[in-house]
C-alpha atoms as a PDB file:
ATOM      1  CA  UNK A   1      37.848-147.178  -2.984  1.00  0.00           C
ATOM      2  CA  UNK A   2      38.668-150.208  -5.129  1.00  0.00           C
ATOM      3  CA  UNK A   3      41.203-148.528  -7.434  1.00  0.00           C
ATOM      4  CA  UNK A   4      44.521-147.348  -6.034  1.00  0.00           C
ATOM      5  CA  UNK A   5      45.444-145.513  -9.253  1.00  0.00           C
ATOM      6  CA  UNK A   6      43.107-144.053 -11.866  1.00  0.00           C
ATOM      7  CA  UNK A   7      43.979-142.418 -15.186  1.00  0.00           C
ATOM      8  CA  UNK A   8      41.152-140.483 -16.835  1.00  0.00           C
ATOM      9  CA  UNK A   9      41.077-139.282 -20.466  1.00  0.00           C
ATOM     10  CA  UNK A  10      44.778-138.465 -20.402  1.00  0.00           C
ATOM     11  CA  UNK A  11      46.637-136.839 -23.292  1.00  0.00           C
ATOM     12  CA  UNK A  12      50.388-136.329 -23.370  1.00  0.00           C
ATOM     13  CA  UNK A  13      52.805-135.205 -26.068  1.00  0.00           C
ATOM     14  CA  UNK A  14      56.488-134.345 -26.323  1.00  0.00           C
ATOM     15  CA  UNK A  15      56.220-131.092 -28.240  1.00  0.00           C
ATOM     16  CA  UNK A  16      54.226-131.790 -31.389  1.00  0.00           C
ATOM     17  CA  UNK A  17      54.665-135.571 -31.094  1.00  0.00           C
ATOM     18  CA  UNK A  18      51.672-137.228 -29.372  1.00  0.00           C
ATOM     19  CA  UNK A  19      52.589-140.095 -27.046  1.00  0.00           C
ATOM     20  CA  UNK A  20      49.345-140.940 -25.202  1.00  0.00           C
ATOM     21  CA  UNK A  21      45.862-140.167 -26.493  1.00  0.00           C
ATOM     22  CA  UNK A  22      42.621-140.362 -24.506  1.00  0.00           C
ATOM     23  CA  UNK A  23      44.073-142.857 -22.045  1.00  0.00           C
ATOM     24  CA  UNK A  24      41.746-144.224 -19.337  1.00  0.00           C
ATOM     25  CA  UNK A  25      43.015-146.978 -17.017  1.00  0.00           C
ATOM     26  CA  UNK A  26      42.268-148.385 -13.562  1.00  0.00           C
ATOM     27  CA  UNK A  27      44.701-150.164 -11.270  1.00  0.00           C
ATOM     28  CA  UNK A  28      42.801-151.962  -8.468  1.00  0.00           C
ATOM     29  CA  UNK A  29      44.131-152.552  -4.996  1.00  0.00           C
ATOM     30  CA  UNK A  30      46.000-155.798  -4.315  1.00  0.00           C
ATOM     31  CA  UNK A  31      46.347-156.636  -8.027  1.00  0.00           C
ATOM     32  CA  UNK A  32      49.196-157.035 -10.498  1.00  0.00           C
ATOM     33  CA  UNK A  33      48.371-155.181 -13.712  1.00  0.00           C
ATOM     34  CA  UNK A  34      50.591-155.563 -16.768  1.00  0.00           C
ATOM     35  CA  UNK A  35      50.938-152.773 -19.328  1.00  0.00           C
ATOM     36  CA  UNK A  36      52.256-154.262 -22.550  1.00  0.00           C
ATOM     37  CA  UNK A  37      53.047-153.093 -26.040  1.00  0.00           C
ATOM     38  CA  UNK A  38      55.882-152.552 -28.468  1.00  0.00           C
ATOM     39  CA  UNK A  39      58.734-150.112 -28.026  1.00  0.00           C
ATOM     40  CA  UNK A  40      57.536-146.521 -28.282  1.00  0.00           C
ATOM     41  CA  UNK A  41      53.934-147.315 -27.399  1.00  0.00           C
ATOM     42  CA  UNK A  42      54.015-145.098 -24.289  1.00  0.00           C
ATOM     43  CA  UNK A  43      54.364-147.703 -21.522  1.00  0.00           C
ATOM     44  CA  UNK A  44      57.187-146.081 -19.564  1.00  0.00           C
ATOM     45  CA  UNK A  45      55.623-142.651 -20.060  1.00  0.00           C
ATOM     46  CA  UNK A  46      52.646-143.905 -18.041  1.00  0.00           C
ATOM     47  CA  UNK A  47      54.970-144.712 -15.125  1.00  0.00           C
ATOM     48  CA  UNK A  48      56.578-141.280 -15.395  1.00  0.00           C
ATOM     49  CA  UNK A  49      53.153-139.622 -15.262  1.00  0.00           C
ATOM     50  CA  UNK A  50      52.099-141.646 -12.208  1.00  0.00           C
ATOM     51  CA  UNK A  51      55.393-140.834 -10.501  1.00  0.00           C
ATOM     52  CA  UNK A  52      54.926-137.131 -11.147  1.00  0.00           C
ATOM     53  CA  UNK A  53      58.078-136.783 -13.242  1.00  0.00           C
ATOM     54  CA  UNK A  54      56.008-135.227 -16.021  1.00  0.00           C
ATOM     55  CA  UNK A  55      52.526-133.698 -16.183  1.00  0.00           C
ATOM     56  CA  UNK A  56      49.765-134.572 -18.662  1.00  0.00           C
ATOM     57  CA  UNK A  57      48.700-132.025 -21.269  1.00  0.00           C
ATOM     58  CA  UNK A  58      45.122-132.804 -20.278  1.00  0.00           C
ATOM     59  CA  UNK A  59      43.296-135.409 -18.248  1.00  0.00           C
ATOM     60  CA  UNK A  60      44.112-136.626 -14.773  1.00  0.00           C
ATOM     61  CA  UNK A  61      46.197-139.160 -12.843  1.00  0.00           C
ATOM     62  CA  UNK A  62      44.982-139.969  -9.333  1.00  0.00           C
ATOM     63  CA  UNK A  63      46.586-141.889  -6.489  1.00  0.00           C
ATOM     64  CA  UNK A  64      44.285-142.762  -3.583  1.00  0.00           C
ATOM     65  CA  UNK A  65      41.705-140.413  -5.074  1.00  0.00           C
ATOM     66  CA  UNK A  66      44.073-137.426  -5.114  1.00  0.00           C
ATOM     67  CA  UNK A  67      45.503-135.958  -8.318  1.00  0.00           C
ATOM     68  CA  UNK A  68      49.257-136.377  -8.766  1.00  0.00           C
ATOM     69  CA  UNK A  69      50.833-132.949  -8.288  1.00  0.00           C
ATOM     70  CA  UNK A  70      54.092-132.556 -10.279  1.00  0.00           C
ATOM     71  CA  UNK A  71      54.119-128.793  -9.657  1.00  0.00           C
ATOM     72  CA  UNK A  72      53.662-129.051  -5.881  1.00  0.00           C
ATOM     73  CA  UNK A  73      56.868-130.475  -4.426  1.00  0.00           C
ATOM     74  CA  UNK A  74      55.547-130.953  -0.893  1.00  0.00           C
ATOM     75  CA  UNK A  75      52.409-132.803  -2.022  1.00  0.00           C
ATOM     76  CA  UNK A  76      54.312-134.877  -4.570  1.00  0.00           C
ATOM     77  CA  UNK A  77      56.903-135.849  -1.959  1.00  0.00           C
ATOM     78  CA  UNK A  78      54.137-137.175   0.296  1.00  0.00           C
ATOM     79  CA  UNK A  79      52.507-139.032  -2.588  1.00  0.00           C
ATOM     80  CA  UNK A  80      55.788-140.699  -3.475  1.00  0.00           C
ATOM     81  CA  UNK A  81      55.973-142.149   0.020  1.00  0.00           C
ATOM     82  CA  UNK A  82      53.242-144.510  -1.216  1.00  0.00           C
ATOM     83  CA  UNK A  83      55.245-145.512  -4.309  1.00  0.00           C
ATOM     84  CA  UNK A  84      58.070-147.910  -4.973  1.00  0.00           C
ATOM     85  CA  UNK A  85      59.901-148.114  -8.296  1.00  0.00           C
ATOM     86  CA  UNK A  86      62.000-150.828  -9.897  1.00  0.00           C
ATOM     87  CA  UNK A  87      63.893-149.174 -12.744  1.00  0.00           C
ATOM     88  CA  UNK A  88      64.606-150.998 -15.981  1.00  0.00           C
ATOM     89  CA  UNK A  89      68.256-151.751 -15.196  1.00  0.00           C
ATOM     90  CA  UNK A  90      68.000-151.642 -11.411  1.00  0.00           C
ATOM     91  CA  UNK A  91      69.694-148.239 -11.046  1.00  0.00           C
ATOM     92  CA  UNK A  92      71.612-149.290  -7.939  1.00  0.00           C
ATOM     93  CA  UNK A  93      74.174-146.919  -6.452  1.00  0.00           C
ATOM     94  CA  UNK A  94      77.424-148.534  -7.549  1.00  0.00           C
ATOM     95  CA  UNK A  95      79.524-147.102  -4.706  1.00  0.00           C
ATOM     96  CA  UNK A  96      77.161-148.334  -1.987  1.00  0.00           C
ATOM     97  CA  UNK A  97      76.884-151.850  -0.631  1.00  0.00           C
ATOM     98  CA  UNK A  98      73.784-153.956  -1.185  1.00  0.00           C
ATOM     99  CA  UNK A  99      72.767-153.141   2.394  1.00  0.00           C
ATOM    100  CA  UNK A 100      73.118-149.373   1.921  1.00  0.00           C
ATOM    101  CA  UNK A 101      71.223-149.463  -1.372  1.00  0.00           C
ATOM    102  CA  UNK A 102      68.206-150.962   0.366  1.00  0.00           C
ATOM    103  CA  UNK A 103      68.684-148.697   3.384  1.00  0.00           C
ATOM    104  CA  UNK A 104      68.711-145.554   1.225  1.00  0.00           C
ATOM    105  CA  UNK A 105      64.925-144.895   1.075  1.00  0.00           C
ATOM    106  CA  UNK A 106      64.606-145.683   4.776  1.00  0.00           C
ATOM    107  CA  UNK A 107      67.308-143.152   5.639  1.00  0.00           C
ATOM    108  CA  UNK A 108      65.747-140.600   3.275  1.00  0.00           C
ATOM    109  CA  UNK A 109      62.140-140.890   4.448  1.00  0.00           C
ATOM    110  CA  UNK A 110      62.267-142.049   8.074  1.00  0.00           C
ATOM    111  CA  UNK A 111      64.036-141.358  11.361  1.00  0.00           C
ATOM    112  CA  UNK A 112      64.463-144.963  12.418  1.00  0.00           C
ATOM    113  CA  UNK A 113      67.182-145.995  14.825  1.00  0.00           C
ATOM    114  CA  UNK A 114      70.166-147.782  13.292  1.00  0.00           C
ATOM    115  CA  UNK A 115      69.204-151.053  15.001  1.00  0.00           C
ATOM    116  CA  UNK A 116      65.650-150.996  13.624  1.00  0.00           C
ATOM    117  CA  UNK A 117      66.842-149.870  10.196  1.00  0.00           C
ATOM    118  CA  UNK A 118      69.351-152.741  10.130  1.00  0.00           C
ATOM    119  CA  UNK A 119      66.663-155.275  10.991  1.00  0.00           C
ATOM    120  CA  UNK A 120      64.284-153.949   8.322  1.00  0.00           C
ATOM    121  CA  UNK A 121      66.961-153.982   5.615  1.00  0.00           C
ATOM    122  CA  UNK A 122      67.971-157.543   6.462  1.00  0.00           C
ATOM    123  CA  UNK A 123      64.312-158.621   6.385  1.00  0.00           C
ATOM    124  CA  UNK A 124      63.867-157.097   2.914  1.00  0.00           C
ATOM    125  CA  UNK A 125      67.052-158.720   1.661  1.00  0.00           C
ATOM    126  CA  UNK A 126      65.995-162.029   3.174  1.00  0.00           C
ATOM    127  CA  UNK A 127      62.702-161.783   1.275  1.00  0.00           C
ATOM    128  CA  UNK A 128      64.630-161.676  -2.018  1.00  0.00           C
ATOM    129  CA  UNK A 129      67.156-164.308  -0.930  1.00  0.00           C
ATOM    130  CA  UNK A 130      70.155-161.976  -0.615  1.00  0.00           C
ATOM    131  CA  UNK A 131      70.597-161.345   3.123  1.00  0.00           C
ATOM    132  CA  UNK A 132      74.078-162.867   3.037  1.00  0.00           C
ATOM    133  CA  UNK A 133      75.124-160.558   0.201  1.00  0.00           C
ATOM    134  CA  UNK A 134      74.423-157.439   2.281  1.00  0.00           C
ATOM    135  CA  UNK A 135      78.042-156.219   2.386  1.00  0.00           C
ATOM    136  CA  UNK A 136      78.841-156.796  -1.281  1.00  0.00           C
ATOM    137  CA  UNK A 137      78.901-154.067  -3.920  1.00  0.00           C
ATOM    138  CA  UNK A 138      76.630-154.231  -6.993  1.00  0.00           C
ATOM    139  CA  UNK A 139      79.695-155.035  -9.134  1.00  0.00           C
ATOM    140  CA  UNK A 140      80.289-158.151  -7.047  1.00  0.00           C
ATOM    141  CA  UNK A 141      76.890-159.769  -7.722  1.00  0.00           C
ATOM    142  CA  UNK A 142      75.178-161.016 -10.868  1.00  0.00           C
ATOM    143  CA  UNK A 143      72.705-159.038 -12.942  1.00  0.00           C
ATOM    144  CA  UNK A 144      69.829-161.150 -11.676  1.00  0.00           C
ATOM    145  CA  UNK A 145      70.880-160.605  -8.083  1.00  0.00           C
ATOM    146  CA  UNK A 146      71.210-156.870  -8.673  1.00  0.00           C
ATOM    147  CA  UNK A 147      67.626-156.795  -9.950  1.00  0.00           C
ATOM    148  CA  UNK A 148      66.504-158.529  -6.751  1.00  0.00           C
ATOM    149  CA  UNK A 149      68.387-155.957  -4.642  1.00  0.00           C
ATOM    150  CA  UNK A 150      66.619-153.218  -6.582  1.00  0.00           C
ATOM    151  CA  UNK A 151      63.330-154.962  -5.834  1.00  0.00           C
ATOM    152  CA  UNK A 152      64.157-155.067  -2.110  1.00  0.00           C
ATOM    153  CA  UNK A 153      64.881-151.337  -2.267  1.00  0.00           C
ATOM    154  CA  UNK A 154      61.601-150.676  -4.110  1.00  0.00           C
ATOM    155  CA  UNK A 155      59.585-152.289  -1.300  1.00  0.00           C
ATOM    156  CA  UNK A 156      61.713-150.975   1.595  1.00  0.00           C
ATOM    157  CA  UNK A 157      58.964-148.564   2.712  1.00  0.00           C
ATOM    158  CA  UNK A 158      56.143-151.107   2.179  1.00  0.00           C
ATOM    159  CA  UNK A 159      54.567-148.879  -0.514  1.00  0.00           C
ATOM    160  CA  UNK A 160      50.949-149.271  -1.556  1.00  0.00           C
ATOM    161  CA  UNK A 161      51.999-148.910  -5.204  1.00  0.00           C
ATOM    162  CA  UNK A 162      54.968-150.666  -6.803  1.00  0.00           C
ATOM    163  CA  UNK A 163      55.929-149.862 -10.398  1.00  0.00           C
ATOM    164  CA  UNK A 164      58.161-152.101 -12.499  1.00  0.00           C
ATOM    165  CA  UNK A 165      59.784-150.871 -15.699  1.00  0.00           C
ATOM    166  CA  UNK A 166      60.819-153.894 -17.797  1.00  0.00           C
ATOM    167  CA  UNK A 167      61.856-155.992 -14.766  1.00  0.00           C
ATOM    168  CA  UNK A 168      62.766-159.018 -16.929  1.00  0.00           C
ATOM    169  CA  UNK A 169      65.018-157.214 -19.423  1.00  0.00           C
ATOM    170  CA  UNK A 170      68.436-158.815 -19.769  1.00  0.00           C
ATOM    171  CA  UNK A 171      67.807-161.683 -17.343  1.00  0.00           C
ATOM    172  CA  UNK A 172      68.430-165.375 -17.944  1.00  0.00           C
ATOM    173  CA  UNK A 173      65.401-167.716 -17.806  1.00  0.00           C
ATOM    174  CA  UNK A 174      66.027-168.738 -14.189  1.00  0.00           C
ATOM    175  CA  UNK A 175      66.417-165.137 -12.993  1.00  0.00           C
ATOM    176  CA  UNK A 176      63.309-164.143 -14.942  1.00  0.00           C
ATOM    177  CA  UNK A 177      61.279-166.820 -13.192  1.00  0.00           C
ATOM    178  CA  UNK A 178      62.666-165.864  -9.783  1.00  0.00           C
ATOM    179  CA  UNK A 179      61.918-162.175 -10.383  1.00  0.00           C
ATOM    180  CA  UNK A 180      58.386-162.901 -11.598  1.00  0.00           C
ATOM    181  CA  UNK A 181      57.608-165.003  -8.521  1.00  0.00           C
ATOM    182  CA  UNK A 182      59.017-162.301  -6.244  1.00  0.00           C
ATOM    183  CA  UNK A 183      56.830-159.634  -7.873  1.00  0.00           C
ATOM    184  CA  UNK A 184      53.710-161.722  -7.355  1.00  0.00           C
ATOM    185  CA  UNK A 185      54.588-162.900  -3.852  1.00  0.00           C
ATOM    186  CA  UNK A 186      55.644-159.469  -2.585  1.00  0.00           C
ATOM    187  CA  UNK A 187      52.496-157.897  -4.009  1.00  0.00           C
ATOM    188  CA  UNK A 188      50.343-160.429  -2.172  1.00  0.00           C
ATOM    189  CA  UNK A 189      52.343-160.209   1.060  1.00  0.00           C
ATOM    190  CA  UNK A 190      52.248-156.404   1.159  1.00  0.00           C
ATOM    191  CA  UNK A 191      48.678-156.100  -0.108  1.00  0.00           C
ATOM    192  CA  UNK A 192      49.951-153.573  -2.635  1.00  0.00           C
ATOM    193  CA  UNK A 193      49.130-152.743  -6.242  1.00  0.00           C
ATOM    194  CA  UNK A 194      51.774-153.560  -8.854  1.00  0.00           C
ATOM    195  CA  UNK A 195      52.027-151.980 -12.303  1.00  0.00           C
ATOM    196  CA  UNK A 196      54.206-154.125 -14.523  1.00  0.00           C
ATOM    197  CA  UNK A 197      55.493-152.553 -17.744  1.00  0.00           C
ATOM    198  CA  UNK A 198      56.901-155.326 -19.888  1.00  0.00           C
ATOM    199  CA  UNK A 199      57.035-156.905 -23.316  1.00  0.00           C
ATOM    200  CA  UNK A 200      57.718-160.387 -21.938  1.00  0.00           C
ATOM    201  CA  UNK A 201      54.489-162.285 -22.573  1.00  0.00           C
ATOM    202  CA  UNK A 202      55.231-165.555 -20.772  1.00  0.00           C
ATOM    203  CA  UNK A 203      56.418-164.125 -17.447  1.00  0.00           C
ATOM    204  CA  UNK A 204      53.904-161.262 -17.372  1.00  0.00           C
ATOM    205  CA  UNK A 205      50.907-163.442 -18.200  1.00  0.00           C
ATOM    206  CA  UNK A 206      52.004-165.891 -15.505  1.00  0.00           C
ATOM    207  CA  UNK A 207      51.652-163.360 -12.672  1.00  0.00           C
ATOM    208  CA  UNK A 208      49.278-160.620 -13.874  1.00  0.00           C
ATOM    209  CA  UNK A 209      45.625-160.327 -12.891  1.00  0.00           C
ATOM    210  CA  UNK A 210      44.840-157.971 -15.759  1.00  0.00           C
ATOM    211  CA  UNK A 211      46.581-156.786 -18.925  1.00  0.00           C
ATOM    212  CA  UNK A 212      46.421-153.572 -20.962  1.00  0.00           C
ATOM    213  CA  UNK A 213      47.785-153.612 -24.513  1.00  0.00           C
ATOM    214  CA  UNK A 214      48.994-150.274 -25.885  1.00  0.00           C
ATOM    215  CA  UNK A 215      49.712-149.349 -29.478  1.00  0.00           C
ATOM    216  CA  UNK A 216      50.635-145.853 -30.653  1.00  0.00           C
ATOM    217  CA  UNK A 217      49.589-144.344 -27.339  1.00  0.00           C
ATOM    218  CA  UNK A 218      46.107-145.856 -27.100  1.00  0.00           C
ATOM    219  CA  UNK A 219      44.655-148.967 -25.478  1.00  0.00           C
ATOM    220  CA  UNK A 220      43.810-151.478 -28.190  1.00  0.00           C
ATOM    221  CA  UNK A 221      42.850-154.391 -25.929  1.00  0.00           C
ATOM    222  CA  UNK A 222      42.447-155.199 -22.239  1.00  0.00           C
ATOM    223  CA  UNK A 223      41.449-158.191 -20.153  1.00  0.00           C
ATOM    224  CA  UNK A 224      42.770-161.105 -18.134  1.00  0.00           C
ATOM    225  CA  UNK A 225      45.780-163.035 -19.464  1.00  0.00           C
ATOM    226  CA  UNK A 226      43.456-165.885 -20.474  1.00  0.00           C
ATOM    227  CA  UNK A 227      41.244-163.465 -22.403  1.00  0.00           C
ATOM    228  CA  UNK A 228      44.259-161.963 -24.152  1.00  0.00           C
ATOM    229  CA  UNK A 229      45.571-165.384 -25.155  1.00  0.00           C
ATOM    230  CA  UNK A 230      42.187-166.145 -26.703  1.00  0.00           C
ATOM    231  CA  UNK A 231      41.811-162.695 -28.270  1.00  0.00           C
ATOM    232  CA  UNK A 232      41.294-162.422 -32.009  1.00  0.00           C
ATOM    233  CA  UNK A 233      42.470-158.802 -32.073  1.00  0.00           C
ATOM    234  CA  UNK A 234      45.158-158.551 -34.799  1.00  0.00           C
ATOM    235  CA  UNK A 235      47.559-156.526 -32.667  1.00  0.00           C
ATOM    236  CA  UNK A 236      47.272-158.863 -29.662  1.00  0.00           C
ATOM    237  CA  UNK A 237      47.762-161.896 -31.883  1.00  0.00           C
ATOM    238  CA  UNK A 238      50.839-160.353 -33.493  1.00  0.00           C
ATOM    239  CA  UNK A 239      52.338-159.413 -30.113  1.00  0.00           C
ATOM    240  CA  UNK A 240      51.531-162.600 -28.207  1.00  0.00           C
ATOM    241  CA  UNK A 241      52.715-164.847 -31.036  1.00  0.00           C
ATOM    242  CA  UNK A 242      55.728-162.676 -31.964  1.00  0.00           C
ATOM    243  CA  UNK A 243      54.675-162.408 -35.594  1.00  0.00           C
ATOM    244  CA  UNK A 244      56.709-160.206 -37.901  1.00  0.00           C
ATOM    245  CA  UNK A 245      53.669-159.294 -40.004  1.00  0.00           C
ATOM    246  CA  UNK A 246      50.645-157.541 -38.577  1.00  0.00           C
ATOM    247  CA  UNK A 247      49.329-154.133 -37.501  1.00  0.00           C
ATOM    248  CA  UNK A 248      52.758-153.098 -36.193  1.00  0.00           C
ATOM    249  CA  UNK A 249      54.788-152.188 -39.287  1.00  0.00           C
ATOM    250  CA  UNK A 250      58.493-152.876 -39.734  1.00  0.00           C
ATOM    251  CA  UNK A 251      59.231-149.410 -41.148  1.00  0.00           C
ATOM    252  CA  UNK A 252      58.864-146.179 -39.173  1.00  0.00           C
ATOM    253  CA  UNK A 253      55.936-144.246 -40.687  1.00  0.00           C
ATOM    254  CA  UNK A 254      56.765-141.558 -43.227  1.00  0.00           C
ATOM    255  CA  UNK A 255      57.701-141.170 -46.858  1.00  0.00           C
ATOM    256  CA  UNK A 256      58.366-144.237 -48.958  1.00  0.00           C
ATOM    257  CA  UNK A 257      61.866-145.223 -50.061  1.00  0.00           C
ATOM    258  CA  UNK A 258      60.938-144.424 -53.673  1.00  0.00           C
ATOM    259  CA  UNK A 259      59.916-140.917 -52.654  1.00  0.00           C
ATOM    260  CA  UNK A 260      63.117-140.369 -50.693  1.00  0.00           C
ATOM    261  CA  UNK A 261      65.163-141.512 -53.701  1.00  0.00           C
ATOM    262  CA  UNK A 262      63.201-139.214 -55.987  1.00  0.00           C
ATOM    263  CA  UNK A 263      61.746-142.085 -57.989  1.00  0.00           C
ATOM    264  CA  UNK A 264      58.099-141.226 -57.333  1.00  0.00           C
ATOM    265  CA  UNK A 265      55.464-143.820 -56.472  1.00  0.00           C
ATOM    266  CA  UNK A 266      54.250-144.940 -53.090  1.00  0.00           C
ATOM    267  CA  UNK A 267      55.986-148.304 -52.589  1.00  0.00           C
END
């Protein structure tokens, strides 16, 4: 099997509001795949569907050839053993030390001895350059360091799938570069598949093997970073070049201002 995760003809809506429509995606083994698009395009919803937090209205999400089972707690729990997640703002436990944050999934999912657990945690922290910060609290380290701790926690169980929700948000340029290199290097070292949800073009294109562009819940373009940079698709050009004018409108769709003010007309 070449694809670790497959999404087939998926539809999802919150009530009457459609979020994803006819979505089909493949995430190959040992690759970094970026999912990009503007705010509200459905990027994070894809991660929630893969993680089994929500269920599609129709279609299918498969991990290792097996459908994700949000309604079957035992099956879902086993499936999540193969997943790691880096949340948008790290989501570290503020009352735990850096060490205990990384140790948390190991304590939750394994019965390792304290000596072996200690060694594994220190190895993960060493991989992100923070072994000597093990006894500090999240409030005692920088935002960039906290993101790296969260990354060490995400890979604590050596998952086959690692999901990243806006890993570069709020970071300075140096921390962004460090985080991007860690994502690529850890993916290659673990032989895992990484799904990178981001709107940061430079960092994402620098490490991704393949890119999906989403707009209004559908894939509008897909290809390698080089292909996307050369793409003539209006949406891709607007996004990659940060243009204010293009297929993505400034105003939320709906009635015109003139209509709301009772002036008639469509402007």
